[in-house]
C-alpha atoms as a PDB file:
ATOM      1  CA  MET A   1     197.105 105.075  71.491  1.00  0.00           C
ATOM      2  CA  SER A   2     196.479 103.488  75.069  1.00  0.00           C
ATOM      3  CA  ARG A   3     193.176 102.656  76.357  1.00  0.00           C
ATOM      4  CA  THR A   4     192.328 102.103  79.980  1.00  0.00           C
ATOM      5  CA  SER A   5     190.176  99.213  81.131  1.00  0.00           C
ATOM      6  CA  THR A   6     187.585  99.791  84.099  1.00  0.00           C
ATOM      7  CA  ASP A   7     188.058  96.299  85.131  1.00  0.00           C
ATOM      8  CA  ALA A   8     191.560  96.106  85.970  1.00  0.00           C
ATOM      9  CA  LYS A   9     193.179  97.587  89.542  1.00  0.00           C
ATOM     10  CA  PHE A  10     195.887 100.033  89.137  1.00  0.00           C
ATOM     11  CA  ILE A  11     198.915  98.115  90.671  1.00  0.00           C
ATOM     12  CA  PRO A  12     201.475 100.701  92.778  1.00  0.00           C
ATOM     13  CA  LEU A  13     205.329  99.923  91.597  1.00  0.00           C
ATOM     14  CA  ARG A  14     208.120 100.709  93.807  1.00  0.00           C
ATOM     15  CA  ILE A  15     210.089 103.305  91.544  1.00  0.00           C
ATOM     16  CA  ALA A  16     213.577 105.176  91.802  1.00  0.00           C
ATOM     17  CA  VAL A  17     215.025 108.217  90.417  1.00  0.00           C
ATOM     18  CA  VAL A  18     218.366 108.676  89.626  1.00  0.00           C
ATOM     19  CA  THR A  19     219.512 111.758  88.274  1.00  0.00           C
ATOM     20  CA  ILE A  20     222.571 111.722  86.307  1.00  0.00           C
ATOM     21  CA  SER A  21     224.830 114.936  86.237  1.00  0.00           C
ATOM     22  CA  ASP A  22     227.579 116.680  87.606  1.00  0.00           C
ATOM     23  CA  SER A  23     225.450 120.176  88.195  1.00  0.00           C
ATOM     24  CA  ARG A  24     222.224 118.922  89.433  1.00  0.00           C
ATOM     25  CA  THR A  25     221.825 119.407  92.987  1.00  0.00           C
ATOM     26  CA  ALA A  26     218.631 118.344  94.951  1.00  0.00           C
ATOM     27  CA  GLU A  27     217.867 121.876  95.119  1.00  0.00           C
ATOM     28  CA  ASN A  28     217.908 122.595  91.211  1.00  0.00           C
ATOM     29  CA  ASP A  29     217.012 119.198  90.212  1.00  0.00           C
ATOM     30  CA  THR A  30     213.554 120.473  88.214  1.00  0.00           C
ATOM     31  CA  SER A  31     213.481 116.923  86.291  1.00  0.00           C
ATOM     32  CA  GLY A  32     214.347 114.846  88.717  1.00  0.00           C
ATOM     33  CA  ASP A  33     211.536 116.788  90.823  1.00  0.00           C
ATOM     34  CA  TYR A  34     209.455 116.038  88.380  1.00  0.00           C
ATOM     35  CA  LEU A  35     209.549 112.614  87.981  1.00  0.00           C
ATOM     36  CA  ALA A  36     209.134 112.006  91.144  1.00  0.00           C
ATOM     37  CA  GLU A  37     206.081 114.407  91.552  1.00  0.00           C
ATOM     38  CA  SER A  38     204.652 112.732  88.596  1.00  0.00           C
ATOM     39  CA  LEU A  39     205.028 109.077  89.963  1.00  0.00           C
ATOM     40  CA  GLN A  40     203.581 109.835  93.117  1.00  0.00           C
ATOM     41  CA  GLY A  41     200.646 110.821  91.546  1.00  0.00           C
ATOM     42  CA  GLU A  42     199.758 108.415  89.559  1.00  0.00           C
ATOM     43  CA  GLY A  43     199.805 106.319  93.147  1.00  0.00           C
ATOM     44  CA  HIS A  44     203.121 104.808  92.455  1.00  0.00           C
ATOM     45  CA  VAL A  45     205.887 104.796  95.620  1.00  0.00           C
ATOM     46  CA  LEU A  46     209.088 106.700  95.214  1.00  0.00           C
ATOM     47  CA  SER A  47     211.570 104.593  96.638  1.00  0.00           C
ATOM     48  CA  ASN A  48     214.252 105.704  96.435  1.00  0.00           C
ATOM     49  CA  ARG A  49     216.072 108.715  94.709  1.00  0.00           C
ATOM     50  CA  LYS A  50     219.714 109.789  93.925  1.00  0.00           C
ATOM     51  CA  ILE A  51     221.843 112.154  92.228  1.00  0.00           C
ATOM     52  CA  ILE A  52     224.742 110.205  90.745  1.00  0.00           C
ATOM     53  CA  ARG A  53     227.924 111.837  88.845  1.00  0.00           C
ATOM     54  CA  ASP A  54     229.344 111.086  85.557  1.00  0.00           C
ATOM     55  CA  ASP A  55     231.435 108.239  86.199  1.00  0.00           C
ATOM     56  CA  LYS A  56     230.654 105.321  84.281  1.00  0.00           C
ATOM     57  CA  TYR A  57     231.822 103.285  86.786  1.00  0.00           C
ATOM     58  CA  VAL A  58     230.380 105.020  90.080  1.00  0.00           C
ATOM     59  CA  LEU A  59     226.626 104.924  87.743  1.00  0.00           C
ATOM     60  CA  ARG A  60     226.979 101.398  86.921  1.00  0.00           C
ATOM     61  CA  SER A  61     228.094 100.660  90.371  1.00  0.00           C
ATOM     62  CA  GLU A  62     225.294 102.492  92.044  1.00  0.00           C
ATOM     63  CA  ILE A  63     222.121 101.512  89.243  1.00  0.00           C
ATOM     64  CA  SER A  64     223.579  97.487  90.240  1.00  0.00           C
ATOM     65  CA  ALA A  65     222.168  98.429  93.741  1.00  0.00           C
ATOM     66  CA  LEU A  66     219.029  98.886  92.872  1.00  0.00           C
ATOM     67  CA  ILE A  67     218.852  96.508  90.267  1.00  0.00           C
ATOM     68  CA  ALA A  68     219.501  94.381  92.671  1.00  0.00           C
ATOM     69  CA  ASP A  69     217.260  95.558  95.980  1.00  0.00           C
ATOM     70  CA  ASP A  70     213.879  94.010  96.253  1.00  0.00           C
ATOM     71  CA  ALA A  71     212.374  97.266  97.083  1.00  0.00           C
ATOM     72  CA  VAL A  72     212.567  98.563  93.503  1.00  0.00           C
ATOM     73  CA  ASP A  73     210.590  97.500  90.773  1.00  0.00           C
ATOM     74  CA  ILE A  74     211.502 100.768  87.965  1.00  0.00           C
ATOM     75  CA  VAL A  75     214.606 102.661  87.783  1.00  0.00           C
ATOM     76  CA  LEU A  76     213.841 106.377  85.695  1.00  0.00           C
ATOM     77  CA  THR A  77     217.224 107.977  85.289  1.00  0.00           C
ATOM     78  CA  THR A  78     217.619 111.388  83.288  1.00  0.00           C
ATOM     79  CA  GLY A  79     220.263 112.582  81.928  1.00  0.00           C
ATOM     80  CA  SER A  80     223.821 111.806  80.651  1.00  0.00           C
ATOM     81  CA  THR A  81     221.998 110.604  76.921  1.00  0.00           C
ATOM     82  CA  GLY A  82     223.256 112.506  74.570  1.00  0.00           C
ATOM     83  CA  LEU A  83     225.957 113.179  72.791  1.00  0.00           C
ATOM     84  CA  THR A  84     228.753 114.996  74.450  1.00  0.00           C
ATOM     85  CA  GLY A  85     232.081 113.536  76.066  1.00  0.00           C
ATOM     86  CA  ARG A  86     230.514 113.232  80.040  1.00  0.00           C
ATOM     87  CA  ASP A  87     227.132 111.897  78.684  1.00  0.00           C
ATOM     88  CA  ILE A  88     227.978 108.142  79.391  1.00  0.00           C
ATOM     89  CA  ALA A  89     224.719 106.358  80.750  1.00  0.00           C
ATOM     90  CA  PRO A  90     224.421 103.570  77.660  1.00  0.00           C
ATOM     91  CA  GLU A  91     227.761 103.111  77.388  1.00  0.00           C
ATOM     92  CA  ALA A  92     227.755 102.677  81.994  1.00  0.00           C
ATOM     93  CA  LEU A  93     223.974 100.913  81.947  1.00  0.00           C
ATOM     94  CA  GLU A  94     223.585  98.831  78.640  1.00  0.00           C
ATOM     95  CA  PRO A  95     226.064  96.025  80.011  1.00  0.00           C
ATOM     96  CA  LEU A  96     224.055  95.447  82.595  1.00  0.00           C
ATOM     97  CA  PHE A  97     220.835  94.469  80.888  1.00  0.00           C
ATOM     98  CA  ASP A  98     219.720  91.069  80.140  1.00  0.00           C
ATOM     99  CA  LYS A  99     217.008  92.478  77.930  1.00  0.00           C
ATOM    100  CA  ALA A 100     216.902  95.655  75.742  1.00  0.00           C
ATOM    101  CA  ILE A 101     213.474  97.439  75.370  1.00  0.00           C
ATOM    102  CA  GLU A 102     214.722  99.012  71.953  1.00  0.00           C
ATOM    103  CA  GLY A 103     211.281 100.368  71.447  1.00  0.00           C
ATOM    104  CA  PHE A 104     211.132 102.707  74.372  1.00  0.00           C
ATOM    105  CA  GLY A 105     214.265 105.292  72.682  1.00  0.00           C
ATOM    106  CA  GLU A 106     212.322 104.449  69.509  1.00  0.00           C
ATOM    107  CA  LEU A 107     209.004 105.550  70.344  1.00  0.00           C
ATOM    108  CA  PHE A 108     210.568 108.643  72.605  1.00  0.00           C
ATOM    109  CA  ARG A 109     212.307 109.568  69.628  1.00  0.00           C
ATOM    110  CA  ALA A 110     209.277 109.881  67.676  1.00  0.00           C
ATOM    111  CA  ALA A 111     206.972 111.318  70.918  1.00  0.00           C
ATOM    112  CA  SER A 112     209.972 114.339  70.891  1.00  0.00           C
ATOM    113  CA  ILE A 113     209.970 115.168  67.339  1.00  0.00           C
ATOM    114  CA  ALA A 114     206.948 117.433  68.104  1.00  0.00           C
ATOM    115  CA  ASP A 115     208.339 119.645  70.320  1.00  0.00           C
ATOM    116  CA  ILE A 116     212.355 119.939  69.125  1.00  0.00           C
ATOM    117  CA  GLY A 117     211.999 118.505  65.494  1.00  0.00           C
ATOM    118  CA  ALA A 118     215.139 117.153  64.142  1.00  0.00           C
ATOM    119  CA  ALA A 119     216.981 117.912  67.082  1.00  0.00           C
ATOM    120  CA  THR A 120     215.633 114.384  68.652  1.00  0.00           C
ATOM    121  CA  ILE A 121     218.297 112.473  66.693  1.00  0.00           C
ATOM    122  CA  GLN A 122     220.730 113.756  69.843  1.00  0.00           C
ATOM    123  CA  SER A 123     219.046 111.905  71.999  1.00  0.00           C
ATOM    124  CA  ARG A 124     220.113 108.749  73.248  1.00  0.00           C
ATOM    125  CA  ALA A 125     217.076 107.511  75.819  1.00  0.00           C
ATOM    126  CA  PHE A 126     217.056 103.820  75.961  1.00  0.00           C
ATOM    127  CA  ALA A 127     215.848 101.371  78.305  1.00  0.00           C
ATOM    128  CA  GLY A 128     216.362  97.664  79.379  1.00  0.00           C
ATOM    129  CA  LEU A 129     215.504  94.831  81.768  1.00  0.00           C
ATOM    130  CA  ALA A 130     218.331  93.976  84.156  1.00  0.00           C
ATOM    131  CA  ASN A 131     217.434  91.451  86.870  1.00  0.00           C
ATOM    132  CA  GLY A 132     213.263  92.008  86.504  1.00  0.00           C
ATOM    133  CA  THR A 133     214.296  95.484  86.866  1.00  0.00           C
ATOM    134  CA  VAL A 134     212.993  97.698  83.886  1.00  0.00           C
ATOM    135  CA  ILE A 135     215.210 100.947  83.769  1.00  0.00           C
ATOM    136  CA  PHE A 136     213.872 104.208  81.819  1.00  0.00           C
ATOM    137  CA  CYS A 137     217.240 106.076  80.539  1.00  0.00           C
ATOM    138  CA  MET A 138     215.795 109.509  79.338  1.00  0.00           C
ATOM    139  CA  PRO A 139     217.383 113.163  78.684  1.00  0.00           C
ATOM    140  CA  GLY A 140     217.475 115.363  81.607  1.00  0.00           C
ATOM    141  CA  SER A 141     215.746 118.067  80.242  1.00  0.00           C
ATOM    142  CA  PRO A 142     212.085 118.559  82.261  1.00  0.00           C
ATOM    143  CA  GLY A 143     210.509 118.433  78.537  1.00  0.00           C
ATOM    144  CA  ALA A 144     211.820 115.711  77.994  1.00  0.00           C
ATOM    145  CA  CYS A 145     211.574 113.722  81.083  1.00  0.00           C
ATOM    146  CA  ARG A 146     207.737 115.396  80.885  1.00  0.00           C
ATOM    147  CA  THR A 147     207.578 113.616  76.912  1.00  0.00           C
ATOM    148  CA  ALA A 148     209.123 110.599  78.274  1.00  0.00           C
ATOM    149  CA  TRP A 149     207.075 109.872  81.181  1.00  0.00           C
ATOM    150  CA  GLU A 150     203.250 111.084  79.591  1.00  0.00           C
ATOM    151  CA  ASP A 151     204.085 109.862  76.456  1.00  0.00           C
ATOM    152  CA  VAL A 152     206.012 106.321  77.044  1.00  0.00           C
ATOM    153  CA  ILE A 153     206.211 104.888  80.403  1.00  0.00           C
ATOM    154  CA  ARG A 154     203.202 106.333  82.408  1.00  0.00           C
ATOM    155  CA  PRO A 155     200.746 104.338  80.675  1.00  0.00           C
ATOM    156  CA  GLN A 156     203.169 101.231  80.160  1.00  0.00           C
ATOM    157  CA  LEU A 157     203.978 101.307  84.400  1.00  0.00           C
ATOM    158  CA  ASP A 158     199.300 101.759  84.495  1.00  0.00           C
ATOM    159  CA  ALA A 159     198.543  97.758  84.887  1.00  0.00           C
ATOM    160  CA  ARG A 160     195.227  99.488  83.725  1.00  0.00           C
ATOM    161  CA  THR A 161     196.251 100.021  79.923  1.00  0.00           C
ATOM    162  CA  ARG A 162     195.154  97.648  77.426  1.00  0.00           C
ATOM    163  CA  PRO A 163     196.075  96.538  75.072  1.00  0.00           C
ATOM    164  CA  CYS A 164     199.109  95.429  77.296  1.00  0.00           C
ATOM    165  CA  ASN A 165     201.361  96.756  80.115  1.00  0.00           C
ATOM    166  CA  LEU A 166     204.979  96.143  81.783  1.00  0.00           C
ATOM    167  CA  ALA A 167     202.869  96.515  85.082  1.00  0.00           C
ATOM    168  CA  ASN A 168     201.228  93.035  84.852  1.00  0.00           C
ATOM    169  CA  LEU A 169     204.218  91.216  82.346  1.00  0.00           C
ATOM    170  CA  MET A 170     206.538  92.046  85.945  1.00  0.00           C
ATOM    171  CA  PRO A 171     205.965  88.801  87.844  1.00  0.00           C
ATOM    172  CA  ARG A 172     207.105  87.015  84.655  1.00  0.00           C
ATOM    173  CA  PHE A 173     210.162  88.620  84.342  1.00  0.00           C
ATOM    174  CA  LEU A 174     212.206  86.308  86.278  1.00  0.00           C
ATOM    175  CA  GLU A 175     211.008  83.238  84.510  1.00  0.00           C
ATOM    176  CA  ARG A 176     213.338  80.495  83.052  1.00  0.00           C
END
C-alpha cells in the first residue's frame, strides 16, 4: 500500500496517451478518453494524444518519435497487448526499451484478478524505460485502463507517494 507525504510537492508530468487499434476512432476511444481525463484530473499535462493502427513498424516509429520528444515524460498506451494475431505492442515496443519495468505487468495482473479472475493470464501488459521516458502498455478495455491507472500508474506518477515513486526518479533516468 502506498502512502502520500504532505511534505512533498506534486510534480505535473507531461503524458502522451496512445490508443493502439484498427477499430477505435476519436469518437469511440473510451479507454483513451478515460486515461486523458484521469491524468489531467490529477494535475498532469496531456502532451499528446494519438490513435495508431496495429502495425508493428508504424507503432514503433510513432512511439520512437514520442520518446525523442523532450515535451513527453510518460507514454501511456492502451490496446494490442493480448494474444490475437493483431496484438503486436510487446513485439513492436520492447526492442525500444533501455530497461524493462517487469513489476508493472506483474502488479497489473495481480490487481486484475479481482475483476476478471484467471482471464488475467491473457494480458501481456508491460512497461519500460526508453531514452528517459517511461512507457506503460496496458490492455484496451476501459476496465483494464482504470485498474492500471488507479492501482499502479497513478501512485507511481505522484511525487508525494512514499516510500518511492517514478516522478522523483525521472531526473536520474539518463544518468551515465
